[in-house]
């Protein structure tokens, strides 16, 4: 019986599993795919305008209606010089 136990132990130790070349290639592919994603994320984060949460009351409310621009509703001035007719 001890011989069979020794033989089974020797068989198990010789059947070690390692990731091998395929595991290395998959890991390399994941790393190479992440590099451009990280670079893009970094550039996007740098473009974000940081605003202090405590300064929220200092920022004007963008949802409030603004008064209309007077220049858009003004009639053209009759006394303004006209371009010459061609």
C-alpha atoms as a PDB file:
ATOM      1  CA  UNK A   1       0.000   0.000   0.000  1.00  0.00           C
ATOM      2  CA  UNK A   2       2.768   2.471   0.692  1.00  0.00           C
ATOM      3  CA  UNK A   3       4.138   1.956  -2.815  1.00  0.00           C
ATOM      4  CA  UNK A   4       0.829   2.956  -4.373  1.00  0.00           C
ATOM      5  CA  UNK A   5       0.622   6.057  -2.175  1.00  0.00           C
ATOM      6  CA  UNK A   6       4.162   7.042  -3.161  1.00  0.00           C
ATOM      7  CA  UNK A   7       3.359   6.460  -6.829  1.00  0.00           C
ATOM      8  CA  UNK A   8       0.176   8.595  -6.613  1.00  0.00           C
ATOM      9  CA  UNK A   9       2.097  11.382  -4.883  1.00  0.00           C
ATOM     10  CA  UNK A  10       4.820  11.298  -7.531  1.00  0.00           C
ATOM     11  CA  UNK A  11       2.197  11.467 -10.309  1.00  0.00           C
ATOM     12  CA  UNK A  12       0.454  14.471  -8.758  1.00  0.00           C
ATOM     13  CA  UNK A  13       3.667  16.436  -8.373  1.00  0.00           C
ATOM     14  CA  UNK A  14       4.626  15.886 -12.004  1.00  0.00           C
ATOM     15  CA  UNK A  15       1.238  17.213 -13.234  1.00  0.00           C
ATOM     16  CA  UNK A  16       1.718  20.816 -12.119  1.00  0.00           C
ATOM     17  CA  UNK A  17      -0.252  23.335 -14.121  1.00  0.00           C
ATOM     18  CA  UNK A  18       1.291  26.625 -15.197  1.00  0.00           C
ATOM     19  CA  UNK A  19      -0.133  29.436 -17.306  1.00  0.00           C
ATOM     20  CA  UNK A  20       2.523  29.016 -19.966  1.00  0.00           C
ATOM     21  CA  UNK A  21       2.800  31.035 -23.134  1.00  0.00           C
ATOM     22  CA  UNK A  22      -0.953  31.383 -23.626  1.00  0.00           C
ATOM     23  CA  UNK A  23      -1.391  32.959 -20.168  1.00  0.00           C
ATOM     24  CA  UNK A  24       1.453  35.369 -20.864  1.00  0.00           C
ATOM     25  CA  UNK A  25      -0.033  36.397 -24.223  1.00  0.00           C
ATOM     26  CA  UNK A  26      -3.492  36.961 -22.750  1.00  0.00           C
ATOM     27  CA  UNK A  27      -2.055  39.079 -19.935  1.00  0.00           C
ATOM     28  CA  UNK A  28       0.054  41.059 -22.413  1.00  0.00           C
ATOM     29  CA  UNK A  29      -3.001  41.683 -24.608  1.00  0.00           C
ATOM     30  CA  UNK A  30      -5.007  42.982 -21.630  1.00  0.00           C
ATOM     31  CA  UNK A  31      -2.180  45.314 -20.591  1.00  0.00           C
ATOM     32  CA  UNK A  32      -1.729  46.628 -24.132  1.00  0.00           C
ATOM     33  CA  UNK A  33      -5.485  47.225 -24.450  1.00  0.00           C
ATOM     34  CA  UNK A  34      -5.583  49.155 -21.148  1.00  0.00           C
ATOM     35  CA  UNK A  35      -2.769  51.590 -21.981  1.00  0.00           C
ATOM     36  CA  UNK A  36      -4.734  53.665 -24.558  1.00  0.00           C
ATOM     37  CA  UNK A  37      -7.815  53.530 -22.341  1.00  0.00           C
ATOM     38  CA  UNK A  38      -5.881  54.968 -19.390  1.00  0.00           C
ATOM     39  CA  UNK A  39      -4.329  57.681 -21.571  1.00  0.00           C
ATOM     40  CA  UNK A  40      -7.740  58.681 -22.931  1.00  0.00           C
ATOM     41  CA  UNK A  41      -9.261  58.710 -19.455  1.00  0.00           C
ATOM     42  CA  UNK A  42      -6.431  60.910 -18.177  1.00  0.00           C
ATOM     43  CA  UNK A  43      -6.922  63.464 -20.948  1.00  0.00           C
ATOM     44  CA  UNK A  44     -10.687  63.528 -20.367  1.00  0.00           C
ATOM     45  CA  UNK A  45     -10.245  64.035 -16.620  1.00  0.00           C
ATOM     46  CA  UNK A  46      -7.809  66.904 -17.208  1.00  0.00           C
ATOM     47  CA  UNK A  47     -10.466  68.651 -19.310  1.00  0.00           C
ATOM     48  CA  UNK A  48     -13.091  68.550 -16.576  1.00  0.00           C
ATOM     49  CA  UNK A  49     -13.731  71.839 -14.806  1.00  0.00           C
ATOM     50  CA  UNK A  50     -13.331  71.267 -11.074  1.00  0.00           C
ATOM     51  CA  UNK A  51     -15.796  73.144  -8.905  1.00  0.00           C
ATOM     52  CA  UNK A  52     -15.624  73.355  -5.133  1.00  0.00           C
ATOM     53  CA  UNK A  53     -18.805  71.853  -3.603  1.00  0.00           C
ATOM     54  CA  UNK A  54     -18.801  74.605  -0.970  1.00  0.00           C
ATOM     55  CA  UNK A  55     -18.937  77.242  -3.688  1.00  0.00           C
ATOM     56  CA  UNK A  56     -22.261  76.025  -5.085  1.00  0.00           C
ATOM     57  CA  UNK A  57     -24.065  79.075  -3.703  1.00  0.00           C
ATOM     58  CA  UNK A  58     -21.602  81.380  -5.512  1.00  0.00           C
ATOM     59  CA  UNK A  59     -22.363  79.965  -8.949  1.00  0.00           C
ATOM     60  CA  UNK A  60     -25.322  81.631 -10.667  1.00  0.00           C
ATOM     61  CA  UNK A  61     -28.283  79.366 -11.270  1.00  0.00           C
ATOM     62  CA  UNK A  62     -28.181  78.270 -14.912  1.00  0.00           C
ATOM     63  CA  UNK A  63     -31.800  77.082 -14.885  1.00  0.00           C
ATOM     64  CA  UNK A  64     -33.222  80.517 -14.021  1.00  0.00           C
ATOM     65  CA  UNK A  65     -34.638  82.353 -17.050  1.00  0.00           C
ATOM     66  CA  UNK A  66     -32.514  85.233 -18.252  1.00  0.00           C
ATOM     67  CA  UNK A  67     -33.993  88.536 -19.391  1.00  0.00           C
ATOM     68  CA  UNK A  68     -34.107  88.819 -23.180  1.00  0.00           C
ATOM     69  CA  UNK A  69     -31.252  90.525 -24.948  1.00  0.00           C
ATOM     70  CA  UNK A  70     -32.338  94.034 -25.913  1.00  0.00           C
ATOM     71  CA  UNK A  71     -30.299  94.061 -29.115  1.00  0.00           C
ATOM     72  CA  UNK A  72     -32.197  91.069 -30.475  1.00  0.00           C
ATOM     73  CA  UNK A  73     -35.578  92.795 -30.033  1.00  0.00           C
ATOM     74  CA  UNK A  74     -34.547  96.290 -31.098  1.00  0.00           C
ATOM     75  CA  UNK A  75     -35.655  97.674 -34.459  1.00  0.00           C
ATOM     76  CA  UNK A  76     -32.936  98.807 -36.806  1.00  0.00           C
ATOM     77  CA  UNK A  77     -32.094 102.419 -36.192  1.00  0.00           C
ATOM     78  CA  UNK A  78     -33.526 104.597 -38.944  1.00  0.00           C
ATOM     79  CA  UNK A  79     -30.821 107.204 -38.477  1.00  0.00           C
ATOM     80  CA  UNK A  80     -28.008 104.707 -39.003  1.00  0.00           C
ATOM     81  CA  UNK A  81     -26.170 105.114 -42.308  1.00  0.00           C
ATOM     82  CA  UNK A  82     -27.316 102.747 -45.013  1.00  0.00           C
ATOM     83  CA  UNK A  83     -24.958 100.986 -47.388  1.00  0.00           C
ATOM     84  CA  UNK A  84     -25.023 102.493 -50.872  1.00  0.00           C
ATOM     85  CA  UNK A  85     -27.324 100.794 -53.348  1.00  0.00           C
ATOM     86  CA  UNK A  86     -25.534  99.025 -56.119  1.00  0.00           C
END
